[in-house]
């Protein structure tokens, strides 16, 4: 249990801005537990978002902006950085090695800047639409949890493009069982959420398979930036899935 506690602390320190002034050992066991906690930490991240969605003090537009701002703040914009680096590389249409060089460049290019604007715009619109449709606030738990489950899937089942780097550090001790353990709390919440939750879970499976195939085609493997981009993409995918569900329900 001590190693599981270390794993929880490590994941909180890496994925959130929540102060955790505790020294946790990074070793083979704690690292595996840390990866297993990704979706659970996502569910915890979703709690304040659900609370914001449940309040009726502000308008839907203001609440949507608050939720989106919170999602950006709580992660320290870490995954948005990966999203921009990924789209800078994709937009370059350069050979593979050049793409890796572009991703490692600390400067943000035009493709990255445009891509993050579009991403945040669509997230804001979809959150607003979901709030306006009066969906259950608890469905907002699924958004950050599903995104982080995508990263777990990639780190466990996809080769890293390089032997060093952030993705390699997280992947080095992983086993397939870690992904299944990580998925348990998310699956439980999906089932508890009823039809929209189950649909979101099925949509996540499709997204994981699709993003893995696309990454292998474009990059022949993954790195930390690609894992971070998958979290942002996974969140957008789940928001879109829930929005489509509201359209059918309203119809």
Protein backbone atom coordinates (compact mmCIF):
# COMPACT_ATOMS: atom_id res chain seq x y z
CA UNK A 1 0.00 0.00 0.00
CA UNK A 2 2.94 2.31 0.62
CA UNK A 3 3.97 2.08 -3.04
CA UNK A 4 0.39 2.75 -4.13
CA UNK A 5 0.42 5.88 -1.97
CA UNK A 6 3.66 6.96 -3.59
CA UNK A 7 2.10 6.35 -6.99
CA UNK A 8 -0.90 8.52 -6.14
CA UNK A 9 1.33 11.37 -4.96
CA UNK A 10 3.52 11.12 -8.07
CA UNK A 11 0.50 11.31 -10.37
CA UNK A 12 -0.99 14.25 -8.49
CA UNK A 13 2.33 16.08 -8.72
CA UNK A 14 2.68 15.40 -12.42
CA UNK A 15 -0.89 15.89 -13.66
CA UNK A 16 -2.10 18.71 -11.43
CA UNK A 17 -1.09 21.96 -9.77
CA UNK A 18 -2.42 20.76 -6.42
CA UNK A 19 0.36 21.28 -3.84
CA UNK A 20 1.76 17.93 -2.68
CA UNK A 21 4.73 18.77 -0.43
CA UNK A 22 5.57 15.11 0.08
CA UNK A 23 8.60 13.27 -1.25
CA UNK A 24 7.53 10.09 -3.06
CA UNK A 25 9.98 7.47 -4.30
CA UNK A 26 10.02 6.71 -8.02
CA UNK A 27 10.69 3.02 -8.50
CA UNK A 28 9.35 0.09 -10.51
CA UNK A 29 6.31 -0.44 -8.29
CA UNK A 30 5.39 3.17 -7.54
CA UNK A 31 5.75 4.06 -11.24
CA UNK A 32 3.24 1.38 -12.22
CA UNK A 33 0.83 2.60 -9.56
CA UNK A 34 1.30 6.16 -10.74
CA UNK A 35 0.17 5.23 -14.24
CA UNK A 36 -2.79 3.28 -12.86
CA UNK A 37 -3.99 6.42 -11.06
CA UNK A 38 -4.21 8.57 -14.20
CA UNK A 39 -7.99 8.13 -14.77
CA UNK A 40 -8.74 8.31 -11.04
CA UNK A 41 -6.91 11.61 -10.83
CA UNK A 42 -8.96 12.66 -13.85
CA UNK A 43 -12.15 11.89 -11.96
CA UNK A 44 -10.93 13.98 -9.02
CA UNK A 45 -10.06 16.80 -11.42
CA UNK A 46 -13.62 16.57 -12.72
CA UNK A 47 -15.24 17.11 -9.30
CA UNK A 48 -14.85 20.92 -9.21
CA UNK A 49 -16.00 21.05 -12.84
CA UNK A 50 -19.11 19.10 -11.90
CA UNK A 51 -19.70 21.48 -8.98
CA UNK A 52 -19.42 24.46 -11.31
CA UNK A 53 -21.83 22.83 -13.75
CA UNK A 54 -24.34 22.27 -10.95
CA UNK A 55 -24.41 25.88 -9.72
CA UNK A 56 -27.06 28.26 -11.04
CA UNK A 57 -25.59 31.60 -10.00
CA UNK A 58 -23.92 32.47 -13.30
CA UNK A 59 -25.04 32.10 -16.91
CA UNK A 60 -24.17 29.04 -18.99
CA UNK A 61 -21.64 31.05 -20.96
CA UNK A 62 -19.80 32.27 -17.87
CA UNK A 63 -19.92 28.81 -16.29
CA UNK A 64 -18.51 27.27 -19.46
CA UNK A 65 -15.64 29.77 -19.40
CA UNK A 66 -15.00 29.00 -15.72
CA UNK A 67 -14.91 25.24 -16.35
CA UNK A 68 -12.56 25.59 -19.31
CA UNK A 69 -10.29 27.96 -17.38
CA UNK A 70 -10.23 25.54 -14.47
CA UNK A 71 -9.28 22.62 -16.74
CA UNK A 72 -6.39 24.65 -18.15
CA UNK A 73 -5.22 25.85 -14.74
CA UNK A 74 -5.39 22.52 -12.92
CA UNK A 75 -3.11 20.85 -15.48
CA UNK A 76 -0.76 23.82 -15.74
CA UNK A 77 -1.45 23.84 -19.51
CA UNK A 78 0.95 20.88 -19.70
CA UNK A 79 -1.12 18.95 -22.22
CA UNK A 80 -1.86 22.04 -24.31
CA UNK A 81 1.89 22.37 -24.82
CA UNK A 82 1.96 18.85 -26.21
CA UNK A 83 -1.03 19.63 -28.43
CA UNK A 84 0.70 22.67 -29.96
CA UNK A 85 4.00 20.82 -30.48
CA UNK A 86 2.16 17.96 -32.15
CA UNK A 87 0.32 20.16 -34.61
CA UNK A 88 3.41 22.20 -35.38
CA UNK A 89 5.04 18.93 -36.42
CA UNK A 90 2.01 17.68 -38.35
CA UNK A 91 1.50 20.98 -40.12
CA UNK A 92 5.08 21.06 -41.33
CA UNK A 93 4.59 18.08 -43.68
CA UNK A 94 8.27 17.45 -43.06
CA UNK A 95 10.11 14.11 -43.00
CA UNK A 96 9.87 12.14 -39.77
CA UNK A 97 13.18 13.23 -38.24
CA UNK A 98 12.39 16.86 -38.94
CA UNK A 99 9.01 16.45 -37.23
CA UNK A 100 10.78 15.30 -34.09
CA UNK A 101 13.06 18.33 -34.25
CA UNK A 102 10.07 20.64 -34.57
CA UNK A 103 8.38 19.05 -31.57
CA UNK A 104 11.48 19.63 -29.46
CA UNK A 105 11.69 23.29 -30.44
CA UNK A 106 10.48 25.41 -27.46
CA UNK A 107 9.05 28.02 -29.83
CA UNK A 108 5.41 27.77 -30.91
CA UNK A 109 4.72 27.93 -34.64
CA UNK A 110 1.65 29.13 -36.51
CA UNK A 111 0.15 25.64 -36.81
CA UNK A 112 0.43 25.08 -33.08
CA UNK A 113 -1.07 28.45 -32.25
CA UNK A 114 -4.02 28.05 -34.61
CA UNK A 115 -4.64 24.49 -33.45
CA UNK A 116 -4.85 25.46 -29.77
CA UNK A 117 -7.21 28.35 -30.52
CA UNK A 118 -9.50 26.00 -32.44
CA UNK A 119 -9.28 23.38 -29.68
CA UNK A 120 -10.19 25.81 -26.89
CA UNK A 121 -12.93 27.41 -28.98
CA UNK A 122 -14.60 24.07 -29.62
CA UNK A 123 -14.24 23.03 -25.99
CA UNK A 124 -15.84 26.26 -24.83
CA UNK A 125 -18.74 25.90 -27.29
CA UNK A 126 -19.37 22.25 -26.43
CA UNK A 127 -19.26 22.85 -22.66
CA UNK A 128 -21.71 25.72 -23.11
CA UNK A 129 -24.03 23.56 -25.21
CA UNK A 130 -23.95 20.76 -22.64
CA UNK A 131 -24.75 23.19 -19.84
CA UNK A 132 -27.59 24.68 -21.88
CA UNK A 133 -28.97 21.18 -22.46
CA UNK A 134 -29.08 20.62 -18.68
CA UNK A 135 -27.08 17.42 -18.73
CA UNK A 136 -26.17 15.83 -15.43
CA UNK A 137 -23.23 17.74 -13.91
CA UNK A 138 -21.68 14.40 -13.01
CA UNK A 139 -20.98 13.73 -16.68
CA UNK A 140 -18.24 16.33 -16.46
CA UNK A 141 -16.28 13.84 -14.37
CA UNK A 142 -15.83 11.74 -17.49
CA UNK A 143 -14.13 14.43 -19.56
CA UNK A 144 -10.74 14.70 -17.77
CA UNK A 145 -10.79 11.04 -16.73
CA UNK A 146 -11.31 9.80 -20.30
CA UNK A 147 -8.57 12.05 -21.61
CA UNK A 148 -6.07 10.66 -19.13
CA UNK A 149 -7.16 7.10 -19.85
CA UNK A 150 -6.16 7.73 -23.46
CA UNK A 151 -2.62 8.54 -22.33
CA UNK A 152 -2.51 5.35 -20.25
CA UNK A 153 -3.61 3.27 -23.24
CA UNK A 154 -0.92 4.77 -25.44
CA UNK A 155 1.85 4.44 -22.87
CA UNK A 156 1.02 0.79 -22.23
CA UNK A 157 0.27 -0.44 -25.75
CA UNK A 158 2.35 1.80 -28.02
CA UNK A 159 6.10 1.82 -28.47
CA UNK A 160 7.99 5.00 -27.67
CA UNK A 161 9.76 6.68 -30.53
CA UNK A 162 12.92 7.22 -28.47
CA UNK A 163 14.59 5.39 -25.62
CA UNK A 164 14.77 8.55 -23.53
CA UNK A 165 12.24 11.29 -22.81
CA UNK A 166 9.12 11.62 -20.70
CA UNK A 167 7.08 8.90 -22.39
CA UNK A 168 9.91 6.40 -22.05
CA UNK A 169 10.21 7.18 -18.34
CA UNK A 170 6.52 6.49 -17.77
CA UNK A 171 6.42 3.43 -20.02
CA UNK A 172 9.52 1.57 -18.86
CA UNK A 173 7.81 -0.50 -16.14
CA UNK A 174 4.30 -0.82 -17.60
CA UNK A 175 2.41 -4.03 -18.24
CA UNK A 176 -0.97 -4.60 -19.96
CA UNK A 177 -2.60 -5.25 -16.60
CA UNK A 178 -1.88 -1.65 -15.60
CA UNK A 179 -4.21 -0.34 -18.30
CA UNK A 180 -7.04 -2.61 -17.16
CA UNK A 181 -6.59 -1.59 -13.53
CA UNK A 182 -6.49 2.07 -14.52
CA UNK A 183 -9.74 1.70 -16.46
CA UNK A 184 -11.75 0.27 -13.53
CA UNK A 185 -12.81 3.53 -11.79
CA UNK A 186 -13.58 5.17 -15.13
CA UNK A 187 -15.64 2.18 -16.26
CA UNK A 188 -17.57 2.23 -12.98
CA UNK A 189 -18.44 5.92 -13.40
CA UNK A 190 -19.43 5.37 -17.05
CA UNK A 191 -21.83 2.61 -16.03
CA UNK A 192 -23.20 4.64 -13.11
CA UNK A 193 -23.85 7.56 -15.47
CA UNK A 194 -26.24 5.48 -17.54
CA UNK A 195 -26.68 5.72 -21.30
CA UNK A 196 -24.54 8.81 -21.92
CA UNK A 197 -21.78 7.42 -19.75
CA UNK A 198 -21.75 4.06 -21.55
CA UNK A 199 -21.74 5.82 -24.92
CA UNK A 200 -18.84 7.97 -23.76
CA UNK A 201 -16.97 4.84 -22.72
CA UNK A 202 -17.52 3.17 -26.09
CA UNK A 203 -16.49 6.37 -27.87
CA UNK A 204 -13.30 6.42 -25.81
CA UNK A 205 -12.41 2.91 -26.97
CA UNK A 206 -12.77 4.01 -30.59
CA UNK A 207 -10.71 7.13 -29.96
CA UNK A 208 -7.87 5.19 -28.31
CA UNK A 209 -7.65 2.79 -31.23
CA UNK A 210 -7.83 5.58 -33.76
CA UNK A 211 -5.27 7.89 -32.16
CA UNK A 212 -2.82 5.03 -31.70
CA UNK A 213 -3.10 4.07 -35.37
CA UNK A 214 -2.66 7.68 -36.46
CA UNK A 215 0.37 8.25 -34.24
CA UNK A 216 2.08 5.13 -35.53
CA UNK A 217 1.43 6.22 -39.10
CA UNK A 218 2.67 9.76 -38.57
CA UNK A 219 5.43 9.28 -36.01
CA UNK A 220 6.20 5.54 -35.78
CA UNK A 221 5.80 5.78 -32.02
CA UNK A 222 4.91 8.18 -29.22
CA UNK A 223 6.61 10.67 -26.93
CA UNK A 224 5.47 12.89 -24.07
CA UNK A 225 4.06 15.57 -26.37
CA UNK A 226 1.93 13.05 -28.24
CA UNK A 227 0.65 11.58 -24.98
CA UNK A 228 -0.27 15.08 -23.79
CA UNK A 229 -1.98 15.88 -27.08
CA UNK A 230 -4.02 12.69 -26.75
CA UNK A 231 -5.35 13.89 -23.39
CA UNK A 232 -6.59 17.13 -24.95
CA UNK A 233 -7.98 15.26 -27.94
CA UNK A 234 -9.66 12.70 -25.72
CA UNK A 235 -11.39 15.42 -23.71
CA UNK A 236 -12.65 17.06 -26.90
CA UNK A 237 -13.84 13.70 -28.21
CA UNK A 238 -15.88 12.97 -25.08
CA UNK A 239 -17.39 16.46 -25.07
CA UNK A 240 -18.40 15.93 -28.69
CA UNK A 241 -19.88 12.51 -27.90
CA UNK A 242 -21.96 13.92 -25.06
CA UNK A 243 -23.11 16.80 -27.27
CA UNK A 244 -24.25 14.40 -29.99
CA UNK A 245 -26.12 12.43 -27.36
CA UNK A 246 -27.97 15.56 -26.24
CA UNK A 247 -29.02 16.20 -29.84
CA UNK A 248 -30.65 12.79 -30.07
CA UNK A 249 -32.28 13.13 -26.65
CA UNK A 250 -33.67 16.56 -27.49
CA UNK A 251 -34.91 15.28 -30.84
